[in-house]
């Protein structure tokens, strides 16, 4: 919705996928640590990797030690480029683990886009289905949601809050209000 209003939108999740793209050094390091996540055709079995890291804190930390510095480097590079640009546009960056990784200081303002845990779980399952992956178990969903800060804590810390457990029209109204505040500052 912010993109439709004129913002440039980037995603840390997309950055994570790029960091682990075929042939990357990061992917080779992941295969060295977790050889079972390499499929016979040489590609990454993301579901197997997710299952492993969301059930083992040590493995999750190992993976993050490989990927997070590279993802953060991509975020910093995009921010630096946006700030150096003569284009007066606004850069929005989707960063699911913004507070968990202490990255909020990189940004001029934070917009928390929130939903209830139940709706988060429903959307997570829908994402898995769109990707052609099997539904997650209730434990797997709980593990993924537990990896993130509770929505109300994000709301407390953010400069702006958009709640998406409303109708699409109400969400669009919230987005417009936040956009109007941001562009007027």
N, C-alpha and C. Protein backbone atom coordinates (compact mmCIF):
# COMPACT_ATOMS: atom_id res chain seq x y z
N UNK A 1 0.83 -1.20 0.00
CA UNK A 1 0.00 0.00 0.00
C UNK A 1 0.87 1.26 0.00
N UNK A 2 1.98 1.22 0.74
CA UNK A 2 2.88 2.37 0.75
C UNK A 2 3.53 2.55 -0.62
N UNK A 3 3.83 1.44 -1.28
CA UNK A 3 4.40 1.51 -2.62
C UNK A 3 3.42 2.19 -3.57
N UNK A 4 2.14 1.88 -3.45
CA UNK A 4 1.13 2.50 -4.30
C UNK A 4 1.04 4.01 -4.06
N UNK A 5 1.43 4.44 -2.87
CA UNK A 5 1.43 5.86 -2.55
C UNK A 5 2.71 6.57 -3.00
N UNK A 6 3.68 5.79 -3.47
CA UNK A 6 4.90 6.41 -4.00
C UNK A 6 6.19 6.03 -3.29
N UNK A 7 6.11 5.23 -2.27
CA UNK A 7 7.31 4.83 -1.54
C UNK A 7 8.07 3.74 -2.30
N UNK A 8 9.36 3.67 -2.05
CA UNK A 8 10.17 2.53 -2.47
C UNK A 8 10.11 1.55 -1.31
N UNK A 9 9.79 0.30 -1.59
CA UNK A 9 9.65 -0.69 -0.52
C UNK A 9 10.67 -1.80 -0.75
N UNK A 10 11.42 -2.10 0.31
CA UNK A 10 12.39 -3.20 0.29
C UNK A 10 12.01 -4.15 1.42
N UNK A 11 12.57 -5.37 1.37
CA UNK A 11 12.23 -6.39 2.35
C UNK A 11 13.46 -7.14 2.81
N UNK A 12 13.62 -7.24 4.11
CA UNK A 12 14.71 -8.04 4.67
C UNK A 12 14.52 -9.52 4.35
N UNK A 13 13.28 -9.97 4.21
CA UNK A 13 13.03 -11.36 3.83
C UNK A 13 13.54 -11.63 2.41
N UNK A 14 13.34 -10.68 1.52
CA UNK A 14 13.88 -10.82 0.16
C UNK A 14 15.40 -10.81 0.22
N UNK A 15 15.96 -9.92 1.04
CA UNK A 15 17.41 -9.90 1.21
C UNK A 15 17.92 -11.24 1.71
N UNK A 16 17.20 -11.85 2.64
CA UNK A 16 17.61 -13.16 3.17
C UNK A 16 17.63 -14.21 2.07
N UNK A 17 16.64 -14.17 1.20
CA UNK A 17 16.61 -15.12 0.08
C UNK A 17 17.79 -14.89 -0.86
N UNK A 18 18.11 -13.63 -1.11
CA UNK A 18 19.22 -13.31 -2.00
C UNK A 18 20.57 -13.72 -1.39
N UNK A 19 20.69 -13.53 -0.09
CA UNK A 19 21.93 -13.91 0.61
C UNK A 19 22.16 -15.41 0.49
N UNK A 20 21.08 -16.18 0.48
CA UNK A 20 21.18 -17.63 0.36
C UNK A 20 20.86 -18.12 -1.06
N UNK A 21 21.17 -17.30 -2.05
CA UNK A 21 20.89 -17.70 -3.43
C UNK A 21 21.89 -18.76 -3.88
N UNK A 22 21.50 -19.49 -4.90
CA UNK A 22 22.36 -20.55 -5.43
C UNK A 22 23.75 -20.02 -5.75
N UNK A 23 24.75 -20.76 -5.30
CA UNK A 23 26.13 -20.41 -5.58
C UNK A 23 26.75 -19.39 -4.65
N UNK A 24 25.98 -18.86 -3.72
CA UNK A 24 26.53 -17.84 -2.82
C UNK A 24 27.43 -18.49 -1.76
N UNK A 25 28.38 -17.70 -1.26
CA UNK A 25 29.26 -18.20 -0.21
C UNK A 25 28.46 -18.52 1.05
N UNK A 26 27.43 -17.73 1.33
CA UNK A 26 26.61 -17.99 2.51
C UNK A 26 25.92 -19.34 2.40
N UNK A 27 25.41 -19.65 1.22
CA UNK A 27 24.73 -20.93 1.03
C UNK A 27 25.72 -22.08 1.19
N UNK A 28 26.92 -21.92 0.67
CA UNK A 28 27.94 -22.95 0.85
C UNK A 28 28.24 -23.16 2.34
N UNK A 29 28.29 -22.08 3.10
CA UNK A 29 28.53 -22.18 4.54
C UNK A 29 27.37 -22.89 5.24
N UNK A 30 26.14 -22.61 4.80
CA UNK A 30 24.96 -23.28 5.36
C UNK A 30 25.03 -24.77 5.08
N UNK A 31 25.39 -25.14 3.86
CA UNK A 31 25.50 -26.56 3.50
C UNK A 31 26.60 -27.25 4.31
N UNK A 32 27.65 -26.52 4.63
CA UNK A 32 28.71 -27.11 5.46
C UNK A 32 28.20 -27.42 6.86
N UNK A 33 27.38 -26.53 7.40
CA UNK A 33 26.82 -26.73 8.74
C UNK A 33 25.66 -27.72 8.76
N UNK A 34 24.81 -27.63 7.74
CA UNK A 34 23.59 -28.42 7.69
C UNK A 34 23.47 -29.12 6.34
N UNK A 35 24.28 -30.12 6.08
CA UNK A 35 24.28 -30.74 4.75
C UNK A 35 22.93 -31.34 4.35
N UNK A 36 22.13 -31.71 5.32
CA UNK A 36 20.84 -32.34 5.00
C UNK A 36 19.83 -31.37 4.38
N UNK A 37 20.10 -30.06 4.39
CA UNK A 37 19.16 -29.11 3.80
C UNK A 37 19.46 -28.87 2.32
N UNK A 38 20.52 -29.50 1.81
CA UNK A 38 20.83 -29.40 0.38
C UNK A 38 20.08 -30.51 -0.34
N UNK A 39 19.25 -30.12 -1.28
CA UNK A 39 18.47 -31.08 -2.05
C UNK A 39 19.37 -31.74 -3.10
N UNK A 40 18.94 -32.90 -3.62
CA UNK A 40 19.75 -33.60 -4.63
C UNK A 40 20.14 -32.74 -5.84
N UNK A 41 19.27 -31.77 -6.18
CA UNK A 41 19.60 -30.92 -7.33
C UNK A 41 20.51 -29.75 -6.95
N UNK A 42 20.94 -29.72 -5.67
CA UNK A 42 21.86 -28.68 -5.22
C UNK A 42 21.21 -27.45 -4.65
N UNK A 43 19.89 -27.38 -4.69
CA UNK A 43 19.19 -26.21 -4.17
C UNK A 43 18.89 -26.38 -2.68
N UNK A 44 18.56 -25.27 -2.07
CA UNK A 44 18.26 -25.24 -0.64
C UNK A 44 16.84 -25.72 -0.37
N UNK A 45 16.70 -26.64 0.56
CA UNK A 45 15.39 -27.07 1.04
C UNK A 45 15.04 -26.14 2.21
N UNK A 46 14.36 -25.05 1.89
CA UNK A 46 14.04 -24.02 2.89
C UNK A 46 13.16 -24.56 4.01
N UNK A 47 12.25 -25.45 3.67
CA UNK A 47 11.38 -26.03 4.70
C UNK A 47 12.19 -26.83 5.71
N UNK A 48 13.14 -27.62 5.23
CA UNK A 48 13.98 -28.42 6.12
C UNK A 48 14.84 -27.52 7.00
N UNK A 49 15.37 -26.45 6.40
CA UNK A 49 16.19 -25.53 7.17
C UNK A 49 15.35 -24.84 8.25
N UNK A 50 14.16 -24.39 7.87
CA UNK A 50 13.28 -23.73 8.84
C UNK A 50 12.90 -24.68 9.97
N UNK A 51 12.58 -25.92 9.62
CA UNK A 51 12.23 -26.90 10.65
C UNK A 51 13.37 -27.07 11.64
N UNK A 52 14.57 -27.09 11.12
CA UNK A 52 15.73 -27.29 11.99
C UNK A 52 15.98 -26.08 12.88
N UNK A 53 15.99 -24.90 12.31
CA UNK A 53 16.39 -23.74 13.12
C UNK A 53 15.31 -23.27 14.08
N UNK A 54 14.05 -23.54 13.75
CA UNK A 54 13.00 -23.10 14.66
C UNK A 54 12.78 -24.09 15.81
N UNK A 55 13.48 -25.19 15.79
CA UNK A 55 13.39 -26.15 16.90
C UNK A 55 14.70 -26.31 17.64
N UNK A 56 15.73 -25.58 17.22
CA UNK A 56 17.04 -25.72 17.85
C UNK A 56 17.69 -24.34 17.92
N UNK A 57 17.73 -23.76 19.10
CA UNK A 57 18.26 -22.41 19.27
C UNK A 57 19.72 -22.29 18.85
N UNK A 58 20.50 -23.32 19.11
CA UNK A 58 21.92 -23.27 18.74
C UNK A 58 22.07 -23.26 17.21
N UNK A 59 21.30 -24.08 16.52
CA UNK A 59 21.35 -24.09 15.06
C UNK A 59 20.86 -22.77 14.48
N UNK A 60 19.84 -22.20 15.11
CA UNK A 60 19.32 -20.91 14.66
C UNK A 60 20.40 -19.84 14.79
N UNK A 61 21.10 -19.84 15.91
CA UNK A 61 22.18 -18.87 16.11
C UNK A 61 23.30 -19.07 15.10
N UNK A 62 23.61 -20.31 14.78
CA UNK A 62 24.65 -20.59 13.78
C UNK A 62 24.26 -20.04 12.41
N UNK A 63 23.01 -20.31 12.02
CA UNK A 63 22.54 -19.81 10.73
C UNK A 63 22.57 -18.28 10.72
N UNK A 64 22.07 -17.68 11.78
CA UNK A 64 22.03 -16.22 11.84
C UNK A 64 23.42 -15.61 11.82
N UNK A 65 24.41 -16.31 12.36
CA UNK A 65 25.78 -15.78 12.33
C UNK A 65 26.31 -15.71 10.90
N UNK A 66 25.77 -16.52 10.04
CA UNK A 66 26.14 -16.50 8.62
C UNK A 66 25.32 -15.45 7.86
N UNK A 67 24.01 -15.48 8.05
CA UNK A 67 23.13 -14.67 7.21
C UNK A 67 22.91 -13.24 7.70
N UNK A 68 22.78 -13.03 8.99
CA UNK A 68 22.40 -11.70 9.47
C UNK A 68 23.40 -10.60 9.12
N UNK A 69 24.71 -10.83 9.25
CA UNK A 69 25.62 -9.75 8.84
C UNK A 69 25.44 -9.36 7.37
N UNK A 70 25.20 -10.33 6.52
CA UNK A 70 25.01 -10.05 5.10
C UNK A 70 23.69 -9.35 4.83
N UNK A 71 22.64 -9.75 5.54
CA UNK A 71 21.34 -9.09 5.39
C UNK A 71 21.43 -7.65 5.88
N UNK A 72 22.06 -7.45 7.02
CA UNK A 72 22.19 -6.09 7.57
C UNK A 72 23.03 -5.22 6.65
N UNK A 73 24.04 -5.80 6.03
CA UNK A 73 24.85 -5.07 5.06
C UNK A 73 23.99 -4.59 3.89
N UNK A 74 23.09 -5.45 3.42
CA UNK A 74 22.20 -5.07 2.33
C UNK A 74 21.24 -3.95 2.76
N UNK A 75 20.73 -4.05 3.99
CA UNK A 75 19.84 -3.01 4.51
C UNK A 75 20.58 -1.68 4.59
N UNK A 76 21.76 -1.70 5.19
CA UNK A 76 22.55 -0.46 5.32
C UNK A 76 22.87 0.15 3.95
N UNK A 77 23.21 -0.70 2.99
CA UNK A 77 23.53 -0.22 1.66
C UNK A 77 22.32 0.46 1.01
N UNK A 78 21.15 -0.14 1.16
CA UNK A 78 19.93 0.46 0.59
C UNK A 78 19.61 1.79 1.26
N UNK A 79 19.78 1.85 2.57
CA UNK A 79 19.52 3.10 3.30
C UNK A 79 20.51 4.17 2.87
N UNK A 80 21.79 3.81 2.80
CA UNK A 80 22.81 4.77 2.37
C UNK A 80 22.51 5.30 0.98
N UNK A 81 22.12 4.41 0.07
CA UNK A 81 21.81 4.83 -1.30
C UNK A 81 20.59 5.76 -1.31
N UNK A 82 19.59 5.45 -0.51
CA UNK A 82 18.40 6.29 -0.45
C UNK A 82 18.74 7.67 0.11
N UNK A 83 19.56 7.71 1.14
CA UNK A 83 19.93 9.00 1.74
C UNK A 83 20.82 9.82 0.81
N UNK A 84 21.64 9.16 0.01
CA UNK A 84 22.54 9.86 -0.92
C UNK A 84 21.82 10.31 -2.19
N UNK A 85 20.66 9.77 -2.44
CA UNK A 85 19.92 10.07 -3.66
C UNK A 85 19.36 11.49 -3.63
N UNK A 86 19.29 12.09 -4.80
CA UNK A 86 18.64 13.40 -4.90
C UNK A 86 17.13 13.27 -5.05
N UNK A 87 16.66 12.03 -5.21
CA UNK A 87 15.23 11.74 -5.29
C UNK A 87 14.63 11.97 -3.90
N UNK A 88 13.58 12.77 -3.81
CA UNK A 88 12.99 13.06 -2.50
C UNK A 88 12.09 11.95 -1.98
N UNK A 89 12.13 10.79 -2.56
CA UNK A 89 11.23 9.71 -2.19
C UNK A 89 11.47 9.18 -0.78
N UNK A 90 10.60 8.27 -0.39
CA UNK A 90 10.64 7.66 0.93
C UNK A 90 10.89 6.17 0.77
N UNK A 91 11.83 5.65 1.54
CA UNK A 91 12.16 4.23 1.54
C UNK A 91 11.50 3.57 2.74
N UNK A 92 10.70 2.56 2.47
CA UNK A 92 10.14 1.71 3.52
C UNK A 92 10.87 0.38 3.46
N UNK A 93 11.25 -0.14 4.60
CA UNK A 93 11.95 -1.41 4.65
C UNK A 93 11.18 -2.33 5.58
N UNK A 94 10.74 -3.47 5.04
CA UNK A 94 10.06 -4.47 5.87
C UNK A 94 11.13 -5.29 6.58
N UNK A 95 11.15 -5.21 7.90
CA UNK A 95 12.16 -5.92 8.69
C UNK A 95 11.45 -6.63 9.84
N UNK A 96 11.09 -7.90 9.64
CA UNK A 96 10.34 -8.61 10.68
C UNK A 96 11.05 -8.67 12.04
N UNK A 97 12.36 -8.74 12.04
CA UNK A 97 13.11 -8.84 13.30
C UNK A 97 13.81 -7.52 13.64
N UNK A 98 13.20 -6.42 13.32
CA UNK A 98 13.78 -5.10 13.52
C UNK A 98 14.24 -4.88 14.97
N UNK A 99 13.35 -5.09 15.89
CA UNK A 99 13.69 -4.85 17.29
C UNK A 99 14.53 -5.99 17.86
N UNK A 100 14.24 -7.19 17.43
CA UNK A 100 14.98 -8.35 17.95
C UNK A 100 16.46 -8.26 17.60
N UNK A 101 16.80 -7.62 16.50
CA UNK A 101 18.19 -7.47 16.06
C UNK A 101 18.72 -6.07 16.29
N UNK A 102 17.98 -5.26 17.05
CA UNK A 102 18.41 -3.90 17.42
C UNK A 102 18.76 -3.06 16.19
N UNK A 103 17.87 -3.07 15.21
CA UNK A 103 18.12 -2.33 13.98
C UNK A 103 17.29 -1.05 13.85
N UNK A 104 16.44 -0.78 14.81
CA UNK A 104 15.54 0.37 14.67
C UNK A 104 16.30 1.69 14.56
N UNK A 105 17.52 1.73 15.12
CA UNK A 105 18.31 2.98 15.06
C UNK A 105 18.78 3.30 13.64
N UNK A 106 18.67 2.36 12.71
CA UNK A 106 19.06 2.62 11.32
C UNK A 106 18.03 3.48 10.59
N UNK A 107 16.83 3.57 11.14
CA UNK A 107 15.71 4.19 10.43
C UNK A 107 15.26 5.48 11.09
N UNK A 108 14.72 6.37 10.28
CA UNK A 108 14.22 7.64 10.79
C UNK A 108 12.93 7.47 11.58
N UNK A 109 12.13 6.49 11.19
CA UNK A 109 10.87 6.21 11.87
C UNK A 109 10.53 4.74 11.66
N UNK A 110 9.72 4.23 12.57
CA UNK A 110 9.29 2.83 12.48
C UNK A 110 7.77 2.77 12.42
N UNK A 111 7.28 2.02 11.43
CA UNK A 111 5.86 1.75 11.30
C UNK A 111 5.68 0.27 11.63
N UNK A 112 4.99 -0.02 12.71
CA UNK A 112 4.70 -1.42 13.06
C UNK A 112 3.38 -1.80 12.42
N UNK A 113 3.41 -2.85 11.63
CA UNK A 113 2.21 -3.37 10.98
C UNK A 113 1.86 -4.66 11.72
N UNK A 114 0.74 -4.63 12.43
CA UNK A 114 0.44 -5.69 13.39
C UNK A 114 -0.87 -6.41 13.09
N UNK A 115 -0.89 -7.64 13.57
CA UNK A 115 -2.11 -8.45 13.53
C UNK A 115 -2.12 -9.29 14.80
N UNK A 116 -3.26 -9.83 15.11
CA UNK A 116 -3.35 -10.72 16.27
C UNK A 116 -2.52 -11.98 15.98
N UNK A 117 -2.07 -12.68 17.02
CA UNK A 117 -1.34 -13.93 16.79
C UNK A 117 -2.14 -14.94 15.97
N UNK A 118 -3.44 -14.97 16.17
CA UNK A 118 -4.28 -15.89 15.41
C UNK A 118 -4.25 -15.56 13.92
N UNK A 119 -4.34 -14.27 13.61
CA UNK A 119 -4.30 -13.85 12.22
C UNK A 119 -2.89 -14.04 11.64
N UNK A 120 -1.87 -13.81 12.46
CA UNK A 120 -0.50 -14.07 12.01
C UNK A 120 -0.35 -15.55 11.61
N UNK A 121 -0.88 -16.44 12.44
CA UNK A 121 -0.79 -17.88 12.17
C UNK A 121 -1.53 -18.22 10.88
N UNK A 122 -2.70 -17.63 10.69
CA UNK A 122 -3.47 -17.88 9.47
C UNK A 122 -2.71 -17.41 8.24
N UNK A 123 -2.11 -16.23 8.33
CA UNK A 123 -1.36 -15.69 7.20
C UNK A 123 -0.09 -16.49 6.93
N UNK A 124 0.53 -16.99 7.98
CA UNK A 124 1.71 -17.83 7.82
C UNK A 124 1.35 -19.11 7.06
N UNK A 125 0.25 -19.72 7.44
CA UNK A 125 -0.19 -20.93 6.73
C UNK A 125 -0.54 -20.62 5.27
N UNK A 126 -1.16 -19.48 5.04
CA UNK A 126 -1.51 -19.10 3.66
C UNK A 126 -0.24 -18.88 2.84
N UNK A 127 0.79 -18.30 3.44
CA UNK A 127 2.06 -18.10 2.75
C UNK A 127 2.68 -19.44 2.37
N UNK A 128 2.63 -20.38 3.29
CA UNK A 128 3.17 -21.72 3.01
C UNK A 128 2.43 -22.36 1.85
N UNK A 129 1.10 -22.22 1.86
CA UNK A 129 0.29 -22.81 0.79
C UNK A 129 0.62 -22.15 -0.55
N UNK A 130 0.76 -20.81 -0.57
CA UNK A 130 1.09 -20.12 -1.83
C UNK A 130 2.45 -20.58 -2.36
N UNK A 131 3.36 -20.93 -1.46
CA UNK A 131 4.69 -21.38 -1.87
C UNK A 131 4.70 -22.85 -2.25
N UNK A 132 3.54 -23.51 -2.13
CA UNK A 132 3.45 -24.92 -2.49
C UNK A 132 4.01 -25.85 -1.44
N UNK A 133 4.15 -25.34 -0.23
CA UNK A 133 4.67 -26.16 0.86
C UNK A 133 3.52 -26.68 1.70
N UNK A 134 3.74 -27.81 2.39
CA UNK A 134 2.67 -28.35 3.24
C UNK A 134 2.39 -27.42 4.43
N UNK A 135 1.21 -27.56 4.97
CA UNK A 135 0.82 -26.77 6.14
C UNK A 135 1.77 -27.06 7.29
N UNK A 136 2.02 -26.04 8.09
CA UNK A 136 2.86 -26.19 9.26
C UNK A 136 2.06 -26.80 10.40
N UNK A 137 2.72 -27.53 11.26
CA UNK A 137 2.06 -28.03 12.46
C UNK A 137 1.79 -26.85 13.39
N UNK A 138 0.92 -27.03 14.34
CA UNK A 138 0.64 -25.95 15.29
C UNK A 138 1.90 -25.61 16.09
N UNK A 139 2.73 -26.62 16.38
CA UNK A 139 3.99 -26.34 17.08
C UNK A 139 4.93 -25.52 16.22
N UNK A 140 5.00 -25.82 14.93
CA UNK A 140 5.88 -25.08 14.03
C UNK A 140 5.42 -23.63 13.91
N UNK A 141 4.12 -23.42 13.84
CA UNK A 141 3.59 -22.05 13.80
C UNK A 141 3.96 -21.33 15.09
N UNK A 142 3.76 -21.98 16.22
CA UNK A 142 4.08 -21.37 17.51
C UNK A 142 5.56 -21.03 17.60
N UNK A 143 6.43 -21.90 17.10
CA UNK A 143 7.88 -21.64 17.12
C UNK A 143 8.22 -20.40 16.30
N UNK A 144 7.60 -20.26 15.15
CA UNK A 144 7.90 -19.11 14.28
C UNK A 144 7.39 -17.81 14.91
N UNK A 145 6.21 -17.85 15.49
CA UNK A 145 5.68 -16.64 16.14
C UNK A 145 6.48 -16.29 17.38
N UNK A 146 6.97 -17.31 18.09
CA UNK A 146 7.77 -17.06 19.29
C UNK A 146 9.12 -16.44 18.97
N UNK A 147 9.57 -16.58 17.74
CA UNK A 147 10.86 -16.01 17.33
C UNK A 147 10.77 -14.49 17.19
N UNK A 148 9.56 -13.96 17.18
CA UNK A 148 9.37 -12.52 17.04
C UNK A 148 8.85 -11.92 18.34
N UNK A 149 9.13 -10.66 18.50
CA UNK A 149 8.64 -9.91 19.65
C UNK A 149 7.10 -9.87 19.60
N UNK A 150 6.44 -9.91 20.75
CA UNK A 150 4.98 -9.82 20.76
C UNK A 150 4.51 -8.52 20.09
N UNK A 151 3.41 -8.58 19.37
CA UNK A 151 2.92 -7.41 18.64
C UNK A 151 2.74 -6.17 19.51
N UNK A 152 2.24 -6.34 20.72
CA UNK A 152 1.99 -5.15 21.56
C UNK A 152 3.29 -4.46 21.97
N UNK A 153 4.38 -5.23 22.11
CA UNK A 153 5.67 -4.61 22.42
C UNK A 153 6.18 -3.84 21.21
N UNK A 154 5.97 -4.38 20.02
CA UNK A 154 6.35 -3.66 18.81
C UNK A 154 5.55 -2.36 18.70
N UNK A 155 4.27 -2.43 19.01
CA UNK A 155 3.41 -1.24 18.97
C UNK A 155 3.91 -0.18 19.94
N UNK A 156 4.32 -0.62 21.12
CA UNK A 156 4.81 0.32 22.13
C UNK A 156 6.06 1.05 21.66
N UNK A 157 6.93 0.37 20.94
CA UNK A 157 8.20 0.94 20.51
C UNK A 157 8.11 1.75 19.22
N UNK A 158 7.13 1.47 18.39
CA UNK A 158 7.06 2.07 17.05
C UNK A 158 6.61 3.52 17.10
N UNK A 159 6.97 4.25 16.05
CA UNK A 159 6.51 5.63 15.89
C UNK A 159 5.07 5.68 15.37
N UNK A 160 4.73 4.69 14.54
CA UNK A 160 3.39 4.60 13.95
C UNK A 160 2.95 3.15 14.02
N UNK A 161 1.65 2.94 14.15
CA UNK A 161 1.11 1.58 14.23
C UNK A 161 -0.05 1.45 13.25
N UNK A 162 -0.01 0.35 12.49
CA UNK A 162 -1.12 0.01 11.61
C UNK A 162 -1.57 -1.38 12.02
N UNK A 163 -2.84 -1.51 12.31
CA UNK A 163 -3.41 -2.80 12.71
C UNK A 163 -4.16 -3.39 11.52
N UNK A 164 -3.81 -4.61 11.17
CA UNK A 164 -4.36 -5.21 9.97
C UNK A 164 -5.41 -6.27 10.24
N UNK A 165 -5.89 -6.36 11.46
CA UNK A 165 -6.98 -7.31 11.72
C UNK A 165 -8.33 -6.66 11.46
N UNK A 166 -8.31 -5.57 10.71
CA UNK A 166 -9.51 -4.84 10.34
C UNK A 166 -9.86 -5.17 8.89
N UNK A 167 -10.82 -4.47 8.36
CA UNK A 167 -11.15 -4.64 6.94
C UNK A 167 -10.04 -4.03 6.09
N UNK A 168 -9.99 -4.41 4.84
CA UNK A 168 -9.00 -3.86 3.92
C UNK A 168 -9.15 -2.35 3.82
N UNK A 169 -10.39 -1.87 3.74
CA UNK A 169 -10.64 -0.43 3.64
C UNK A 169 -10.11 0.30 4.87
N UNK A 170 -10.31 -0.28 6.06
CA UNK A 170 -9.81 0.36 7.29
C UNK A 170 -8.29 0.35 7.33
N UNK A 171 -7.69 -0.72 6.85
CA UNK A 171 -6.23 -0.78 6.79
C UNK A 171 -5.72 0.28 5.82
N UNK A 172 -6.35 0.41 4.67
CA UNK A 172 -5.95 1.43 3.70
C UNK A 172 -6.05 2.84 4.30
N UNK A 173 -7.09 3.09 5.09
CA UNK A 173 -7.24 4.39 5.75
C UNK A 173 -6.10 4.64 6.73
N UNK A 174 -5.72 3.61 7.49
CA UNK A 174 -4.61 3.74 8.43
C UNK A 174 -3.30 4.04 7.67
N UNK A 175 -3.09 3.32 6.59
CA UNK A 175 -1.89 3.53 5.78
C UNK A 175 -1.86 4.97 5.26
N UNK A 176 -2.96 5.44 4.77
CA UNK A 176 -3.01 6.82 4.25
C UNK A 176 -2.70 7.83 5.35
N UNK A 177 -3.27 7.64 6.55
CA UNK A 177 -3.00 8.56 7.67
C UNK A 177 -1.51 8.56 8.03
N UNK A 178 -0.92 7.38 8.11
CA UNK A 178 0.51 7.29 8.44
C UNK A 178 1.34 7.94 7.32
N UNK A 179 1.01 7.66 6.08
CA UNK A 179 1.72 8.26 4.95
C UNK A 179 1.65 9.78 5.02
N UNK A 180 0.46 10.29 5.27
CA UNK A 180 0.29 11.75 5.32
C UNK A 180 1.15 12.36 6.44
N UNK A 181 1.24 11.70 7.57
CA UNK A 181 2.08 12.18 8.67
C UNK A 181 3.55 12.14 8.30
N UNK A 182 3.97 11.06 7.67
CA UNK A 182 5.38 10.89 7.32
C UNK A 182 5.80 11.93 6.28
N UNK A 183 5.01 12.11 5.24
CA UNK A 183 5.41 13.05 4.20
C UNK A 183 5.32 14.51 4.66
N UNK A 184 4.53 14.79 5.68
CA UNK A 184 4.42 16.16 6.17
C UNK A 184 5.55 16.51 7.15
N UNK A 185 6.25 15.52 7.65
CA UNK A 185 7.37 15.79 8.59
C UNK A 185 8.63 16.22 7.88
